[in-house]
PDB file of N, CA and C in Angstrom:
ATOM      1  N   MET A   1       0.839  -1.181   0.000  1.00  0.00           N
ATOM      2  CA  MET A   1       0.000   0.000   0.000  1.00  0.00           C
ATOM      3  C   MET A   1       0.878   1.236   0.000  1.00  0.00           C
ATOM      4  N   ASN A   2       0.749   2.020  -0.989  1.00  0.00           N
ATOM      5  CA  ASN A   2       1.493   3.275  -1.089  1.00  0.00           C
ATOM      6  C   ASN A   2       0.629   4.413  -0.598  1.00  0.00           C
ATOM      7  N   SER A   3       1.269   5.404   0.012  1.00  0.00           N
ATOM      8  CA  SER A   3       0.521   6.571   0.460  1.00  0.00           C
ATOM      9  C   SER A   3       0.309   7.498  -0.719  1.00  0.00           C
ATOM     10  N   PRO A   4      -0.750   8.300  -0.668  1.00  0.00           N
ATOM     11  CA  PRO A   4      -1.002   9.228  -1.768  1.00  0.00           C
ATOM     12  C   PRO A   4       0.182  10.187  -1.917  1.00  0.00           C
ATOM     13  N   PRO A   5       0.442  10.682  -3.141  1.00  0.00           N
ATOM     14  CA  PRO A   5       1.605  11.538  -3.364  1.00  0.00           C
ATOM     15  C   PRO A   5       1.558  12.841  -2.578  1.00  0.00           C
ATOM     16  N   ASP A   6       0.371  13.304  -2.170  1.00  0.00           N
ATOM     17  CA  ASP A   6       0.247  14.563  -1.429  1.00  0.00           C
ATOM     18  C   ASP A   6       0.544  14.396   0.055  1.00  0.00           C
ATOM     19  N   ALA A   7       0.439  13.191   0.561  1.00  0.00           N
ATOM     20  CA  ALA A   7       0.593  12.958   1.993  1.00  0.00           C
ATOM     21  C   ALA A   7       2.044  13.183   2.409  1.00  0.00           C
ATOM     22  N   PRO A   8       2.242  13.911   3.539  1.00  0.00           N
ATOM     23  CA  PRO A   8       3.608  14.134   3.998  1.00  0.00           C
ATOM     24  C   PRO A   8       4.231  12.834   4.490  1.00  0.00           C
ATOM     25  N   THR A   9       5.450  12.616   4.138  1.00  0.00           N
ATOM     26  CA  THR A   9       6.170  11.427   4.582  1.00  0.00           C
ATOM     27  C   THR A   9       6.934  11.764   5.855  1.00  0.00           C
ATOM     28  N   PRO A  10       7.392  10.740   6.573  1.00  0.00           N
ATOM     29  CA  PRO A  10       8.176  11.024   7.781  1.00  0.00           C
ATOM     30  C   PRO A  10       9.429  11.855   7.475  1.00  0.00           C
ATOM     31  N   ASP A  11      10.011  11.659   6.289  1.00  0.00           N
ATOM     32  CA  ASP A  11      11.190  12.449   5.926  1.00  0.00           C
ATOM     33  C   ASP A  11      10.829  13.923   5.793  1.00  0.00           C
ATOM     34  N   ASP A  12       9.628  14.221   5.252  1.00  0.00           N
ATOM     35  CA  ASP A  12       9.182  15.601   5.129  1.00  0.00           C
ATOM     36  C   ASP A  12       8.999  16.242   6.505  1.00  0.00           C
ATOM     37  N   ALA A  13       8.464  15.474   7.437  1.00  0.00           N
ATOM     38  CA  ALA A  13       8.263  15.993   8.787  1.00  0.00           C
ATOM     39  C   ALA A  13       9.612  16.278   9.448  1.00  0.00           C
ATOM     40  N   ASP A  14      10.575  15.360   9.267  1.00  0.00           N
ATOM     41  CA  ASP A  14      11.906  15.574   9.814  1.00  0.00           C
ATOM     42  C   ASP A  14      12.564  16.799   9.196  1.00  0.00           C
ATOM     43  N   LEU A  15      12.393  16.957   7.898  1.00  0.00           N
ATOM     44  CA  LEU A  15      12.965  18.105   7.206  1.00  0.00           C
ATOM     45  C   LEU A  15      12.336  19.397   7.714  1.00  0.00           C
ATOM     46  N   GLY A  16      11.027  19.386   7.888  1.00  0.00           N
ATOM     47  CA  GLY A  16      10.336  20.570   8.409  1.00  0.00           C
ATOM     48  C   GLY A  16      10.809  20.925   9.805  1.00  0.00           C
ATOM     49  N   LEU A  17      10.973  19.905  10.627  1.00  0.00           N
ATOM     50  CA  LEU A  17      11.456  20.131  11.994  1.00  0.00           C
ATOM     51  C   LEU A  17      12.886  20.664  11.976  1.00  0.00           C
ATOM     52  N   SER A  18      13.718  20.092  11.120  1.00  0.00           N
ATOM     53  CA  SER A  18      15.106  20.556  11.010  1.00  0.00           C
ATOM     54  C   SER A  18      15.167  21.996  10.519  1.00  0.00           C
ATOM     55  N   LEU A  19      14.318  22.340   9.565  1.00  0.00           N
ATOM     56  CA  LEU A  19      14.281  23.712   9.066  1.00  0.00           C
ATOM     57  C   LEU A  19      13.833  24.683  10.152  1.00  0.00           C
ATOM     58  N   ALA A  20      12.836  24.282  10.924  1.00  0.00           N
ATOM     59  CA  ALA A  20      12.349  25.139  12.013  1.00  0.00           C
ATOM     60  C   ALA A  20      13.454  25.362  13.050  1.00  0.00           C
ATOM     61  N   GLU A  21      14.192  24.297  13.381  1.00  0.00           N
ATOM     62  CA  GLU A  21      15.293  24.427  14.338  1.00  0.00           C
ATOM     63  C   GLU A  21      16.400  25.321  13.780  1.00  0.00           C
ATOM     64  N   ALA A  22      16.689  25.170  12.485  1.00  0.00           N
ATOM     65  CA  ALA A  22      17.718  26.000  11.858  1.00  0.00           C
ATOM     66  C   ALA A  22      17.301  27.468  11.851  1.00  0.00           C
ATOM     67  N   GLU A  23      16.038  27.737  11.576  1.00  0.00           N
ATOM     68  CA  GLU A  23      15.538  29.112  11.582  1.00  0.00           C
ATOM     69  C   GLU A  23      15.618  29.707  12.980  1.00  0.00           C
ATOM     70  N   GLN A  24      15.267  28.901  13.976  1.00  0.00           N
ATOM     71  CA  GLN A  24      15.324  29.381  15.355  1.00  0.00           C
ATOM     72  C   GLN A  24      16.778  29.672  15.753  1.00  0.00           C
ATOM     73  N   SER A  25      17.692  28.796  15.369  1.00  0.00           N
ATOM     74  CA  SER A  25      19.108  29.018  15.669  1.00  0.00           C
ATOM     75  C   SER A  25      19.618  30.266  14.969  1.00  0.00           C
ATOM     76  N   LEU A  26      19.185  30.484  13.732  1.00  0.00           N
ATOM     77  CA  LEU A  26      19.594  31.669  12.997  1.00  0.00           C
ATOM     78  C   LEU A  26      19.078  32.938  13.668  1.00  0.00           C
ATOM     79  N   GLU A  27      17.846  32.919  14.131  1.00  0.00           N
ATOM     80  CA  GLU A  27      17.285  34.075  14.833  1.00  0.00           C
ATOM     81  C   GLU A  27      18.047  34.354  16.125  1.00  0.00           C
ATOM     82  N   GLN A  28      18.394  33.295  16.842  1.00  0.00           N
ATOM     83  CA  GLN A  28      19.165  33.470  18.075  1.00  0.00           C
ATOM     84  C   GLN A  28      20.547  34.045  17.769  1.00  0.00           C
ATOM     85  N   LEU A  29      21.164  33.564  16.692  1.00  0.00           N
ATOM     86  CA  LEU A  29      22.472  34.072  16.292  1.00  0.00           C
ATOM     87  C   LEU A  29      22.389  35.539  15.894  1.00  0.00           C
ATOM     88  N   LYS A  30      21.337  35.900  15.167  1.00  0.00           N
ATOM     89  CA  LYS A  30      21.150  37.309  14.784  1.00  0.00           C
ATOM     90  C   LYS A  30      20.975  38.187  16.022  1.00  0.00           C
ATOM     91  N   ALA A  31      20.165  37.717  16.960  1.00  0.00           N
ATOM     92  CA  ALA A  31      19.932  38.493  18.183  1.00  0.00           C
ATOM     93  C   ALA A  31      21.228  38.649  18.974  1.00  0.00           C
ATOM     94  N   ARG A  32      22.009  37.580  19.065  1.00  0.00           N
ATOM     95  CA  ARG A  32      23.276  37.644  19.790  1.00  0.00           C
ATOM     96  C   ARG A  32      24.243  38.601  19.078  1.00  0.00           C
ATOM     97  N   TYR A  33      24.269  38.547  17.749  1.00  0.00           N
ATOM     98  CA  TYR A  33      25.138  39.433  16.976  1.00  0.00           C
ATOM     99  C   TYR A  33      24.767  40.900  17.208  1.00  0.00           C
ATOM    100  N   LEU A  34      23.464  41.195  17.163  1.00  0.00           N
ATOM    101  CA  LEU A  34      23.021  42.570  17.396  1.00  0.00           C
ATOM    102  C   LEU A  34      23.377  43.030  18.806  1.00  0.00           C
ATOM    103  N   GLN A  35      23.232  42.141  19.783  1.00  0.00           N
ATOM    104  CA  GLN A  35      23.568  42.485  21.164  1.00  0.00           C
ATOM    105  C   GLN A  35      25.055  42.760  21.304  1.00  0.00           C
ATOM    106  N   VAL A  36      25.883  41.941  20.652  1.00  0.00           N
ATOM    107  CA  VAL A  36      27.329  42.146  20.707  1.00  0.00           C
ATOM    108  C   VAL A  36      27.688  43.487  20.068  1.00  0.00           C
ATOM    109  N   GLN A  37      27.076  43.799  18.924  1.00  0.00           N
ATOM    110  CA  GLN A  37      27.348  45.076  18.268  1.00  0.00           C
ATOM    111  C   GLN A  37      26.952  46.248  19.163  1.00  0.00           C
ATOM    112  N   GLN A  38      25.793  46.152  19.811  1.00  0.00           N
ATOM    113  CA  GLN A  38      25.339  47.214  20.712  1.00  0.00           C
ATOM    114  C   GLN A  38      26.279  47.353  21.903  1.00  0.00           C
ATOM    115  N   ASP A  39      26.704  46.222  22.460  1.00  0.00           N
ATOM    116  CA  ASP A  39      27.625  46.268  23.603  1.00  0.00           C
ATOM    117  C   ASP A  39      28.963  46.879  23.213  1.00  0.00           C
ATOM    118  N   LEU A  40      29.441  46.569  22.003  1.00  0.00           N
ATOM    119  CA  LEU A  40      30.700  47.162  21.546  1.00  0.00           C
ATOM    120  C   LEU A  40      30.574  48.674  21.391  1.00  0.00           C
ATOM    121  N   GLN A  41      29.443  49.132  20.874  1.00  0.00           N
ATOM    122  CA  GLN A  41      29.213  50.568  20.742  1.00  0.00           C
ATOM    123  C   GLN A  41      29.131  51.229  22.113  1.00  0.00           C
ATOM    124  N   ASP A  42      28.414  50.587  23.033  1.00  0.00           N
ATOM    125  CA  ASP A  42      28.300  51.121  24.393  1.00  0.00           C
ATOM    126  C   ASP A  42      29.673  51.192  25.064  1.00  0.00           C
ATOM    127  N   LYS A  43      30.487  50.149  24.864  1.00  0.00           N
ATOM    128  CA  LYS A  43      31.822  50.121  25.466  1.00  0.00           C
ATOM    129  C   LYS A  43      32.680  51.258  24.911  1.00  0.00           C
ATOM    130  N   ALA A  44      32.618  51.479  23.605  1.00  0.00           N
ATOM    131  CA  ALA A  44      33.400  52.563  22.995  1.00  0.00           C
ATOM    132  C   ALA A  44      32.961  53.919  23.551  1.00  0.00           C
ATOM    133  N   ALA A  45      31.651  54.113  23.691  1.00  0.00           N
ATOM    134  CA  ALA A  45      31.136  55.369  24.235  1.00  0.00           C
ATOM    135  C   ALA A  45      31.580  55.549  25.688  1.00  0.00           C
ATOM    136  N   LEU A  46      31.526  54.465  26.462  1.00  0.00           N
ATOM    137  CA  LEU A  46      31.959  54.552  27.866  1.00  0.00           C
ATOM    138  C   LEU A  46      33.453  54.849  27.965  1.00  0.00           C
ATOM    139  N   GLN A  47      34.241  54.266  27.076  1.00  0.00           N
ATOM    140  CA  GLN A  47      35.683  54.527  27.098  1.00  0.00           C
ATOM    141  C   GLN A  47      35.973  55.986  26.748  1.00  0.00           C
ATOM    142  N   ASP A  48      35.203  56.532  25.812  1.00  0.00           N
ATOM    143  CA  ASP A  48      35.354  57.959  25.488  1.00  0.00           C
ATOM    144  C   ASP A  48      34.990  58.828  26.694  1.00  0.00           C
ATOM    145  N   ASP A  49      33.872  58.475  27.346  1.00  0.00           N
ATOM    146  CA  ASP A  49      33.460  59.209  28.549  1.00  0.00           C
ATOM    147  C   ASP A  49      34.520  59.106  29.641  1.00  0.00           C
ATOM    148  N   LEU A  50      35.099  57.909  29.779  1.00  0.00           N
ATOM    149  CA  LEU A  50      36.124  57.703  30.795  1.00  0.00           C
ATOM    150  C   LEU A  50      37.353  58.561  30.510  1.00  0.00           C
ATOM    151  N   ALA A  51      37.766  58.608  29.254  1.00  0.00           N
ATOM    152  CA  ALA A  51      38.931  59.430  28.896  1.00  0.00           C
ATOM    153  C   ALA A  51      38.658  60.906  29.180  1.00  0.00           C
ATOM    154  N   ALA A  52      37.451  61.374  28.835  1.00  0.00           N
ATOM    155  CA  ALA A  52      37.106  62.779  29.084  1.00  0.00           C
ATOM    156  C   ALA A  52      37.044  63.063  30.586  1.00  0.00           C
ATOM    157  N   THR A  53      36.498  62.135  31.342  1.00  0.00           N
ATOM    158  CA  THR A  53      36.392  62.325  32.792  1.00  0.00           C
ATOM    159  C   THR A  53      37.771  62.318  33.440  1.00  0.00           C
ATOM    160  N   LYS A  54      38.660  61.443  32.965  1.00  0.00           N
ATOM    161  CA  LYS A  54      40.025  61.431  33.508  1.00  0.00           C
ATOM    162  C   LYS A  54      40.750  62.745  33.208  1.00  0.00           C
ATOM    163  N   ALA A  55      40.534  63.272  32.002  1.00  0.00           N
ATOM    164  CA  ALA A  55      41.152  64.559  31.655  1.00  0.00           C
ATOM    165  C   ALA A  55      40.626  65.666  32.565  1.00  0.00           C
ATOM    166  N   GLU A  56      39.332  65.632  32.817  1.00  0.00           N
ATOM    167  CA  GLU A  56      38.723  66.628  33.712  1.00  0.00           C
ATOM    168  C   GLU A  56      39.246  66.438  35.140  1.00  0.00           C
ATOM    169  N   PHE A  57      39.441  65.170  35.536  1.00  0.00           N
ATOM    170  CA  PHE A  57      39.932  64.880  36.884  1.00  0.00           C
ATOM    171  C   PHE A  57      41.348  65.420  37.073  1.00  0.00           C
ATOM    172  N   ARG A  58      42.162  65.403  36.011  1.00  0.00           N
ATOM    173  CA  ARG A  58      43.517  65.947  36.109  1.00  0.00           C
ATOM    174  C   ARG A  58      43.491  67.454  36.381  1.00  0.00           C
ATOM    175  N   ARG A  59      42.442  68.121  35.867  1.00  0.00           N
ATOM    176  CA  ARG A  59      42.318  69.564  36.101  1.00  0.00           C
ATOM    177  C   ARG A  59      41.730  69.866  37.467  1.00  0.00           C
ATOM    178  N   GLN A  60      40.682  69.116  37.815  1.00  0.00           N
ATOM    179  CA  GLN A  60      39.991  69.348  39.096  1.00  0.00           C
ATOM    180  C   GLN A  60      39.887  68.022  39.833  1.00  0.00           C
ATOM    181  N   ARG A  61      40.622  67.841  40.842  1.00  0.00           N
ATOM    182  CA  ARG A  61      40.610  66.582  41.590  1.00  0.00           C
ATOM    183  C   ARG A  61      39.485  66.613  42.625  1.00  0.00           C
ATOM    184  N   THR A  62      38.283  66.293  42.171  1.00  0.00           N
ATOM    185  CA  THR A  62      37.135  66.291  43.078  1.00  0.00           C
ATOM    186  C   THR A  62      36.704  64.855  43.349  1.00  0.00           C
ATOM    187  N   PRO A  63      36.122  64.620  44.510  1.00  0.00           N
ATOM    188  CA  PRO A  63      35.631  63.272  44.834  1.00  0.00           C
ATOM    189  C   PRO A  63      34.517  62.811  43.869  1.00  0.00           C
ATOM    190  N   ALA A  64      33.737  63.750  43.377  1.00  0.00           N
ATOM    191  CA  ALA A  64      32.663  63.383  42.447  1.00  0.00           C
ATOM    192  C   ALA A  64      33.237  62.820  41.152  1.00  0.00           C
ATOM    193  N   LEU A  65      34.296  63.430  40.645  1.00  0.00           N
ATOM    194  CA  LEU A  65      34.932  62.921  39.423  1.00  0.00           C
ATOM    195  C   LEU A  65      35.600  61.571  39.667  1.00  0.00           C
ATOM    196  N   ARG A  66      36.202  61.410  40.824  1.00  0.00           N
ATOM    197  CA  ARG A  66      36.816  60.122  41.174  1.00  0.00           C
ATOM    198  C   ARG A  66      35.745  59.026  41.213  1.00  0.00           C
ATOM    199  N   SER A  67      34.609  59.346  41.798  1.00  0.00           N
ATOM    200  CA  SER A  67      33.502  58.401  41.859  1.00  0.00           C
ATOM    201  C   SER A  67      32.979  58.072  40.460  1.00  0.00           C
ATOM    202  N   GLU A  68      32.872  59.086  39.624  1.00  0.00           N
ATOM    203  CA  GLU A  68      32.391  58.873  38.258  1.00  0.00           C
ATOM    204  C   GLU A  68      33.359  57.984  37.470  1.00  0.00           C
ATOM    205  N   ILE A  69      34.650  58.180  37.670  1.00  0.00           N
ATOM    206  CA  ILE A  69      35.652  57.339  37.002  1.00  0.00           C
ATOM    207  C   ILE A  69      35.500  55.888  37.424  1.00  0.00           C
ATOM    208  N   LYS A  70      35.308  55.654  38.714  1.00  0.00           N
ATOM    209  CA  LYS A  70      35.126  54.286  39.206  1.00  0.00           C
ATOM    210  C   LYS A  70      33.866  53.652  38.622  1.00  0.00           C
ATOM    211  N   GLN A  71      32.787  54.432  38.545  1.00  0.00           N
ATOM    212  CA  GLN A  71      31.543  53.907  37.975  1.00  0.00           C
ATOM    213  C   GLN A  71      31.722  53.557  36.498  1.00  0.00           C
ATOM    214  N   LEU A  72      32.379  54.422  35.751  1.00  0.00           N
ATOM    215  CA  LEU A  72      32.612  54.157  34.326  1.00  0.00           C
ATOM    216  C   LEU A  72      33.484  52.918  34.137  1.00  0.00           C
ATOM    217  N   GLN A  73      34.532  52.778  34.951  1.00  0.00           N
ATOM    218  CA  GLN A  73      35.389  51.597  34.854  1.00  0.00           C
ATOM    219  C   GLN A  73      34.601  50.330  35.179  1.00  0.00           C
ATOM    220  N   HIS A  74      33.745  50.417  36.172  1.00  0.00           N
ATOM    221  CA  HIS A  74      32.928  49.255  36.551  1.00  0.00           C
ATOM    222  C   HIS A  74      31.965  48.875  35.417  1.00  0.00           C
ATOM    223  N   ARG A  75      31.325  49.864  34.799  1.00  0.00           N
ATOM    224  CA  ARG A  75      30.395  49.583  33.696  1.00  0.00           C
ATOM    225  C   ARG A  75      31.132  48.998  32.499  1.00  0.00           C
ATOM    226  N   ILE A  76      32.353  49.474  32.235  1.00  0.00           N
ATOM    227  CA  ILE A  76      33.145  48.911  31.136  1.00  0.00           C
ATOM    228  C   ILE A  76      33.497  47.452  31.428  1.00  0.00           C
ATOM    229  N   GLU A  77      33.877  47.160  32.658  1.00  0.00           N
ATOM    230  CA  GLU A  77      34.186  45.774  33.045  1.00  0.00           C
ATOM    231  C   GLU A  77      32.964  44.873  32.881  1.00  0.00           C
ATOM    232  N   GLU A  78      31.782  45.371  33.275  1.00  0.00           N
ATOM    233  CA  GLU A  78      30.556  44.590  33.120  1.00  0.00           C
ATOM    234  C   GLU A  78      30.270  44.286  31.647  1.00  0.00           C
ATOM    235  N   LEU A  79      30.480  45.294  30.784  1.00  0.00           N
ATOM    236  CA  LEU A  79      30.272  45.077  29.352  1.00  0.00           C
ATOM    237  C   LEU A  79      31.270  44.071  28.790  1.00  0.00           C
ATOM    238  N   GLU A  80      32.514  44.127  29.234  1.00  0.00           N
ATOM    239  CA  GLU A  80      33.513  43.172  28.768  1.00  0.00           C
ATOM    240  C   GLU A  80      33.139  41.755  29.172  1.00  0.00           C
ATOM    241  N   ILE A  81      32.647  41.594  30.396  1.00  0.00           N
ATOM    242  CA  ILE A  81      32.202  40.273  30.851  1.00  0.00           C
ATOM    243  C   ILE A  81      31.017  39.795  30.024  1.00  0.00           C
ATOM    244  N   ALA A  82      30.068  40.688  29.763  1.00  0.00           N
ATOM    245  CA  ALA A  82      28.903  40.324  28.953  1.00  0.00           C
ATOM    246  C   ALA A  82      29.332  39.928  27.544  1.00  0.00           C
ATOM    247  N   LEU A  83      30.272  40.660  26.980  1.00  0.00           N
ATOM    248  CA  LEU A  83      30.753  40.332  25.637  1.00  0.00           C
ATOM    249  C   LEU A  83      31.443  38.975  25.615  1.00  0.00           C
ATOM    250  N   GLU A  84      32.273  38.708  26.608  1.00  0.00           N
ATOM    251  CA  GLU A  84      32.965  37.427  26.662  1.00  0.00           C
ATOM    252  C   GLU A  84      31.989  36.280  26.844  1.00  0.00           C
ATOM    253  N   SER A  85      30.980  36.465  27.682  1.00  0.00           N
ATOM    254  CA  SER A  85      30.029  35.380  27.923  1.00  0.00           C
ATOM    255  C   SER A  85      29.135  35.141  26.707  1.00  0.00           C
ATOM    256  N   GLN A  86      28.897  36.167  25.901  1.00  0.00           N
ATOM    257  CA  GLN A  86      28.079  35.980  24.709  1.00  0.00           C
ATOM    258  C   GLN A  86      28.848  35.277  23.608  1.00  0.00           C
ATOM    259  N   LEU A  87      30.156  35.363  23.636  1.00  0.00           N
ATOM    260  CA  LEU A  87      30.936  34.723  22.590  1.00  0.00           C
ATOM    261  C   LEU A  87      31.116  33.238  22.848  1.00  0.00           C
ATOM    262  N   VAL A  88      30.963  32.816  24.095  1.00  0.00           N
ATOM    263  CA  VAL A  88      31.092  31.403  24.429  1.00  0.00           C
ATOM    264  C   VAL A  88      29.704  30.785  24.423  1.00  0.00           C
ATOM    265  N   SER A  89      29.558  29.746  23.648  1.00  0.00           N
ATOM    266  CA  SER A  89      28.280  29.049  23.579  1.00  0.00           C
ATOM    267  C   SER A  89      28.350  27.809  24.469  1.00  0.00           C
ATOM    268  N   TRP A  90      27.536  27.783  25.513  1.00  0.00           N
ATOM    269  CA  TRP A  90      27.574  26.646  26.429  1.00  0.00           C
ATOM    270  C   TRP A  90      27.036  25.394  25.777  1.00  0.00           C
ATOM    271  N   GLY A  91      26.172  25.525  24.779  1.00  0.00           N
ATOM    272  CA  GLY A  91      25.687  24.353  24.046  1.00  0.00           C
ATOM    273  C   GLY A  91      26.827  23.639  23.351  1.00  0.00           C
ATOM    274  N   TRP A  92      27.746  24.411  22.789  1.00  0.00           N
ATOM    275  CA  TRP A  92      28.902  23.827  22.129  1.00  0.00           C
ATOM    276  C   TRP A  92      29.766  23.067  23.126  1.00  0.00           C
ATOM    277  N   VAL A  93      29.978  23.634  24.308  1.00  0.00           N
ATOM    278  CA  VAL A  93      30.790  22.984  25.334  1.00  0.00           C
ATOM    279  C   VAL A  93      30.125  21.691  25.779  1.00  0.00           C
ATOM    280  N   ARG A  94      28.829  21.723  25.996  1.00  0.00           N
ATOM    281  CA  ARG A  94      28.096  20.529  26.439  1.00  0.00           C
ATOM    282  C   ARG A  94      28.170  19.437  25.373  1.00  0.00           C
ATOM    283  N   GLU A  95      27.945  19.819  24.117  1.00  0.00           N
ATOM    284  CA  GLU A  95      27.978  18.836  23.023  1.00  0.00           C
ATOM    285  C   GLU A  95      29.377  18.230  22.889  1.00  0.00           C
ATOM    286  N   THR A  96      30.389  19.059  22.969  1.00  0.00           N
ATOM    287  CA  THR A  96      31.765  18.574  22.860  1.00  0.00           C
ATOM    288  C   THR A  96      32.095  17.630  24.008  1.00  0.00           C
ATOM    289  N   PHE A  97      31.667  17.981  25.210  1.00  0.00           N
ATOM    290  CA  PHE A  97      31.919  17.126  26.372  1.00  0.00           C
ATOM    291  C   PHE A  97      31.327  15.735  26.163  1.00  0.00           C
ATOM    292  N   TRP A  98      30.073  15.667  25.726  1.00  0.00           N
ATOM    293  CA  TRP A  98      29.439  14.363  25.571  1.00  0.00           C
ATOM    294  C   TRP A  98      30.037  13.573  24.409  1.00  0.00           C
ATOM    295  N   GLN A  99      30.518  14.251  23.382  1.00  0.00           N
ATOM    296  CA  GLN A  99      31.198  13.529  22.312  1.00  0.00           C
ATOM    297  C   GLN A  99      32.514  12.936  22.809  1.00  0.00           C
ATOM    298  N   ILE A 100      33.222  13.680  23.634  1.00  0.00           N
ATOM    299  CA  ILE A 100      34.464  13.157  24.205  1.00  0.00           C
ATOM    300  C   ILE A 100      34.172  11.941  25.079  1.00  0.00           C
ATOM    301  N   VAL A 101      33.133  12.041  25.904  1.00  0.00           N
ATOM    302  CA  VAL A 101      32.767  10.926  26.771  1.00  0.00           C
ATOM    303  C   VAL A 101      32.379   9.712  25.932  1.00  0.00           C
ATOM    304  N   ARG A 102      31.564   9.930  24.916  1.00  0.00           N
ATOM    305  CA  ARG A 102      31.088   8.826  24.084  1.00  0.00           C
ATOM    306  C   ARG A 102      32.249   8.150  23.355  1.00  0.00           C
ATOM    307  N   PHE A 103      33.044   8.942  22.624  1.00  0.00           N
ATOM    308  CA  PHE A 103      34.103   8.346  21.829  1.00  0.00           C
ATOM    309  C   PHE A 103      35.267   7.866  22.694  1.00  0.00           C
ATOM    310  N   GLY A 104      35.517   8.549  23.791  1.00  0.00           N
ATOM    311  CA  GLY A 104      36.539   8.071  24.723  1.00  0.00           C
ATOM    312  C   GLY A 104      36.138   6.744  25.330  1.00  0.00           C
ATOM    313  N   GLY A 105      34.855   6.618  25.681  1.00  0.00           N
ATOM    314  CA  GLY A 105      34.348   5.354  26.217  1.00  0.00           C
ATOM    315  C   GLY A 105      34.437   4.237  25.199  1.00  0.00           C
ATOM    316  N   LEU A 106      34.113   4.540  23.950  1.00  0.00           N
ATOM    317  CA  LEU A 106      34.235   3.533  22.902  1.00  0.00           C
ATOM    318  C   LEU A 106      35.681   3.106  22.719  1.00  0.00           C
ATOM    319  N   GLY A 107      36.606   4.056  22.812  1.00  0.00           N
ATOM    320  CA  GLY A 107      38.024   3.739  22.690  1.00  0.00           C
ATOM    321  C   GLY A 107      38.492   2.819  23.806  1.00  0.00           C
ATOM    322  N   VAL A 108      38.034   3.075  25.017  1.00  0.00           N
ATOM    323  CA  VAL A 108      38.412   2.233  26.154  1.00  0.00           C
ATOM    324  C   VAL A 108      37.856   0.827  25.961  1.00  0.00           C
ATOM    325  N   ILE A 109      36.608   0.743  25.555  1.00  0.00           N
ATOM    326  CA  ILE A 109      35.987  -0.577  25.342  1.00  0.00           C
ATOM    327  C   ILE A 109      36.713  -1.339  24.232  1.00  0.00           C
ATOM    328  N   LEU A 110      37.001  -0.658  23.122  1.00  0.00           N
ATOM    329  CA  LEU A 110      37.740  -1.318  22.037  1.00  0.00           C
ATOM    330  C   LEU A 110      39.130  -1.738  22.504  1.00  0.00           C
ATOM    331  N   GLY A 111      39.775  -0.932  23.317  1.00  0.00           N
ATOM    332  CA  GLY A 111      41.087  -1.293  23.856  1.00  0.00           C
ATOM    333  C   GLY A 111      41.014  -2.543  24.702  1.00  0.00           C
ATOM    334  N   TRP A 112      39.995  -2.654  25.561  1.00  0.00           N
ATOM    335  CA  TRP A 112      39.837  -3.860  26.383  1.00  0.00           C
ATOM    336  C   TRP A 112      39.580  -5.084  25.512  1.00  0.00           C
ATOM    337  N   LEU A 113      38.725  -4.904  24.505  1.00  0.00           N
ATOM    338  CA  LEU A 113      38.437  -6.042  23.618  1.00  0.00           C
ATOM    339  C   LEU A 113      39.690  -6.490  22.871  1.00  0.00           C
ATOM    340  N   LEU A 114      40.446  -5.555  22.350  1.00  0.00           N
ATOM    341  CA  LEU A 114      41.677  -5.915  21.620  1.00  0.00           C
ATOM    342  C   LEU A 114      42.692  -6.558  22.553  1.00  0.00           C
ATOM    343  N   ARG A 115      42.780  -6.064  23.778  1.00  0.00           N
ATOM    344  CA  ARG A 115      43.713  -6.629  24.736  1.00  0.00           C
ATOM    345  C   ARG A 115      43.323  -8.059  25.095  1.00  0.00           C
ATOM    346  N   SER A 116      42.026  -8.276  25.314  1.00  0.00           N
ATOM    347  CA  SER A 116      41.581  -9.628  25.656  1.00  0.00           C
ATOM    348  C   SER A 116      41.727 -10.565  24.450  1.00  0.00           C
ATOM    349  N   TRP A 117      41.542 -10.048  23.262  1.00  0.00           N
ATOM    350  CA  TRP A 117      41.691 -10.855  22.050  1.00  0.00           C
ATOM    351  C   TRP A 117      43.167 -11.210  21.822  1.00  0.00           C
ATOM    352  N   ALA A 118      44.081 -10.295  22.134  1.00  0.00           N
ATOM    353  CA  ALA A 118      45.502 -10.523  21.929  1.00  0.00           C
ATOM    354  C   ALA A 118      46.057 -11.530  22.954  1.00  0.00           C
ATOM    355  N   ASN A 119      45.453 -11.613  24.132  1.00  0.00           N
ATOM    356  CA  ASN A 119      45.934 -12.537  25.170  1.00  0.00           C
ATOM    357  C   ASN A 119      45.497 -13.883  24.869  1.00  0.00           C
TER     358      ASN A 119
END
């Protein structure tokens, strides 16, 4: 019994699911890219503000300017951490870990089998 030519096959369903996952991953990548670009722009603006504030601090050594410099440095550090964490994909680390476990385990098992076969 053949299915009618219009009926979706299991391969079509798998393809549709794979396409949906690929589209979702692409959207996530686009969002991450836009966030990284925005963070880089914010960091550049903060660094400019920091340079101007330091120049002003050299002229007038006030506690308010010292406080502002510390706040700007702290915000720049936070942006750097956010940028670094966005560049590392934890899904990639998890997938790599399990592949190492899987293939490393297979290697150990094959080694035991070959050793027992050689004896």
